[in-house]
Amino acid sequence: MFTAGTLHKAHIFRTKQEPDDLVQLFLRHIAGASWEVDAWSFFSNHYHLIARCPLDGKTVSSFFRDFHSESSSQINHSQRQPGRQVWHQYWDTQLTHERSVLARSAYVWHNPARHKLVPEAESYRWCSAGWDEQKHGRYSASTLRSFQPSAIRTLDDFEPILLTD
């Protein structure tokens, strides 16, 4: 499980187009890395990702360095903020049991509703919940929808904002 936040939890991705671009960039990077993705959610100031990837720390750090570098350049260019630091860092947790993967995938899947941005996660377009309705990943949408991950303890003290047009 990976969580990354913007510097000082700043709401950098504020318009609907900005996370659209971020998600498309993320999907390109994930495809290039050949990671198996279980769930993801992007917000104005952070994101969560559940992925199966090599345990090689170099591969992981390279992925995030490249993704964060390119996404920073992209958003800074569009907002005319050259040189601004966008990402603070990322945190990772190695999940060793299938039940842990399921619980945290459900947590990430439900996250937009937990942050009260939408009534149901499926209606949040920057999250795998809406995508899972069309293309099921490792866990079916009905499985993740029925799983209530209230007991999950994870770093998520971010307060994202609703995005504008």
Protein backbone atom coordinates (compact mmCIF):
# COMPACT_ATOMS: atom_id res chain seq x y z
CA MET A 1 0.00 0.00 0.00
CA PHE A 2 1.33 3.39 -0.97
CA THR A 3 0.17 6.84 0.10
CA ALA A 4 1.69 10.04 -1.24
CA GLY A 5 0.88 13.58 -0.23
CA THR A 6 1.58 17.01 -1.60
CA LEU A 7 4.00 19.32 0.19
CA HIS A 8 2.26 20.84 3.24
CA LYS A 9 -0.91 18.99 2.15
CA ALA A 10 -1.52 21.80 -0.34
CA HIS A 11 -4.55 21.41 -2.63
CA ILE A 12 -2.61 21.46 -5.87
CA PHE A 13 -4.98 19.41 -8.05
CA ARG A 14 -8.02 21.72 -7.87
CA THR A 15 -9.81 21.54 -11.20
CA LYS A 16 -11.43 18.45 -12.68
CA GLN A 17 -8.96 18.45 -15.58
CA GLU A 18 -5.91 18.30 -13.29
CA PRO A 19 -6.67 14.93 -11.66
CA ASP A 20 -7.88 13.66 -15.05
CA ASP A 21 -4.39 14.35 -16.37
CA LEU A 22 -2.80 12.90 -13.23
CA VAL A 23 -4.77 9.65 -13.49
CA GLN A 24 -3.89 9.25 -17.18
CA LEU A 25 -0.21 9.79 -16.37
CA PHE A 26 -0.47 7.33 -13.47
CA LEU A 27 -2.05 4.66 -15.70
CA ARG A 28 0.75 5.08 -18.25
CA HIS A 29 3.42 4.74 -15.55
CA ILE A 30 1.71 1.69 -14.02
CA ALA A 31 1.46 0.01 -17.43
CA GLY A 32 5.15 0.67 -18.00
CA ALA A 33 6.06 -0.75 -14.60
CA SER A 34 3.96 -3.90 -15.12
CA TRP A 35 2.58 -3.71 -11.59
CA GLU A 36 -0.71 -5.40 -10.71
CA VAL A 37 -3.02 -2.72 -9.33
CA ASP A 38 -5.82 -3.59 -6.93
CA ALA A 39 -7.11 -0.11 -6.06
CA TRP A 40 -6.26 3.58 -6.35
CA SER A 41 -7.76 6.96 -5.40
CA PHE A 42 -6.49 10.45 -6.30
CA PHE A 43 -7.46 13.65 -4.49
CA SER A 44 -6.56 17.34 -4.46
CA ASN A 45 -3.65 16.78 -2.07
CA HIS A 46 -2.86 13.04 -1.89
CA TYR A 47 -3.43 9.61 -3.33
CA HIS A 48 -3.56 5.96 -2.27
CA LEU A 49 -2.47 2.94 -4.26
CA ILE A 50 -2.64 -0.80 -3.65
CA ALA A 51 -0.32 -2.60 -6.06
CA ARG A 52 1.62 -5.82 -6.35
CA CYS A 53 5.12 -4.90 -7.37
CA PRO A 54 8.67 -6.24 -7.07
CA LEU A 55 9.99 -6.12 -3.52
CA ASP A 56 13.09 -4.46 -4.92
CA GLY A 57 13.24 -1.05 -3.24
CA LYS A 58 15.06 0.38 -6.24
CA THR A 59 12.15 -0.46 -8.56
CA VAL A 60 9.64 1.14 -6.18
CA SER A 61 11.66 4.30 -5.58
CA SER A 62 12.33 4.61 -9.32
CA PHE A 63 8.61 4.35 -10.10
CA PHE A 64 7.67 7.09 -7.62
CA ARG A 65 10.61 9.32 -8.54
CA ASP A 66 9.65 9.18 -12.22
CA PHE A 67 5.89 9.50 -11.67
CA HIS A 68 6.24 12.35 -9.18
CA SER A 69 8.77 14.16 -11.35
CA GLU A 70 6.63 13.99 -14.48
CA SER A 71 3.38 14.81 -12.67
CA SER A 72 5.06 17.78 -10.94
CA SER A 73 6.34 19.13 -14.26
CA GLN A 74 2.90 18.66 -15.83
CA ILE A 75 0.91 20.43 -13.12
CA ASN A 76 3.51 23.17 -12.62
CA HIS A 77 3.48 23.89 -16.34
CA SER A 78 -0.33 24.05 -16.48
CA GLN A 79 -0.50 26.30 -13.39
CA ARG A 80 2.53 28.39 -14.41
CA GLN A 81 4.41 27.49 -11.22
CA PRO A 82 7.87 26.49 -12.49
CA GLY A 83 10.11 24.77 -9.95
CA ARG A 84 7.43 24.36 -7.28
CA GLN A 85 7.76 21.20 -5.19
CA VAL A 86 4.52 19.27 -5.53
CA TRP A 87 5.02 15.96 -3.74
CA HIS A 88 6.29 15.69 -0.18
CA GLN A 89 7.01 11.98 -0.03
CA TYR A 90 5.34 8.60 -0.18
CA TRP A 91 4.74 6.01 2.51
CA ASP A 92 4.52 2.32 1.88
CA THR A 93 3.33 -0.69 3.79
CA GLN A 94 4.12 -4.21 2.70
CA LEU A 95 0.99 -6.34 2.83
CA THR A 96 1.76 -9.99 3.45
CA HIS A 97 -1.69 -11.58 3.85
CA GLU A 98 -4.44 -11.71 1.27
CA ARG A 99 -6.98 -10.49 3.83
CA SER A 100 -4.80 -7.40 4.46
CA VAL A 101 -4.71 -6.70 0.74
CA LEU A 102 -8.49 -7.04 0.54
CA ALA A 103 -9.08 -4.80 3.57
CA ARG A 104 -6.78 -2.05 2.32
CA SER A 105 -8.11 -2.31 -1.24
CA ALA A 106 -11.60 -1.77 0.17
CA TYR A 107 -10.29 1.17 2.23
CA VAL A 108 -8.82 2.82 -0.87
CA TRP A 109 -11.91 1.96 -2.90
CA HIS A 110 -14.23 3.58 -0.30
CA ASN A 111 -11.93 6.55 0.35
CA PRO A 112 -13.78 9.21 -1.71
CA ALA A 113 -16.97 8.50 0.25
CA ARG A 114 -15.05 8.36 3.54
CA HIS A 115 -13.74 11.86 2.79
CA LYS A 116 -17.38 12.87 2.10
CA LEU A 117 -16.62 13.99 -1.45
CA VAL A 118 -19.32 11.76 -2.91
CA PRO A 119 -22.13 9.65 -1.43
CA GLU A 120 -20.80 6.48 -3.08
CA ALA A 121 -17.25 5.78 -4.24
CA GLU A 122 -18.40 4.59 -7.68
CA SER A 123 -19.40 8.15 -8.59
CA TYR A 124 -15.90 9.54 -7.93
CA ARG A 125 -14.10 9.48 -11.26
CA TRP A 126 -10.54 9.65 -9.91
CA CYS A 127 -10.77 6.34 -8.11
CA SER A 128 -10.69 2.73 -9.21
CA ALA A 129 -14.18 2.25 -7.76
CA GLY A 130 -15.79 3.76 -10.85
CA TRP A 131 -13.41 1.91 -13.12
CA ASP A 132 -14.07 -1.40 -11.38
CA GLU A 133 -17.68 -1.21 -12.43
CA GLN A 134 -16.51 -1.50 -16.03
CA LYS A 135 -13.47 -3.74 -15.59
CA HIS A 136 -13.08 -5.84 -12.48
CA GLY A 137 -9.63 -6.21 -11.05
CA ARG A 138 -8.49 -8.81 -8.56
CA TYR A 139 -11.52 -8.14 -6.37
CA SER A 140 -15.00 -7.65 -7.73
CA ALA A 141 -16.79 -4.39 -7.16
CA SER A 142 -19.46 -6.19 -5.13
CA THR A 143 -16.80 -7.65 -2.82
CA LEU A 144 -15.17 -4.26 -2.19
CA ARG A 145 -18.55 -2.53 -1.86
CA SER A 146 -19.65 -4.98 0.83
CA PHE A 147 -16.40 -4.79 2.81
CA GLN A 148 -16.41 -2.06 5.45
CA PRO A 149 -12.78 -1.22 6.20
CA SER A 150 -13.51 0.82 9.34
CA ALA A 151 -10.87 -1.02 11.39
CA ILE A 152 -8.04 -0.14 9.01
CA ARG A 153 -5.41 2.11 10.52
CA THR A 154 -3.44 3.94 7.89
CA LEU A 155 -1.91 7.35 7.34
CA ASP A 156 -4.75 9.43 5.95
CA ASP A 157 -4.94 12.72 7.82
CA PHE A 158 -5.58 14.60 4.59
CA GLU A 159 -8.68 16.69 3.98
CA PRO A 160 -9.19 16.85 0.21
CA ILE A 161 -11.48 19.43 -1.37
CA LEU A 162 -14.19 19.13 -3.98
CA LEU A 163 -12.85 19.92 -7.43
CA THR A 164 -14.11 22.72 -9.68
CA ASP A 165 -14.68 22.88 -13.43
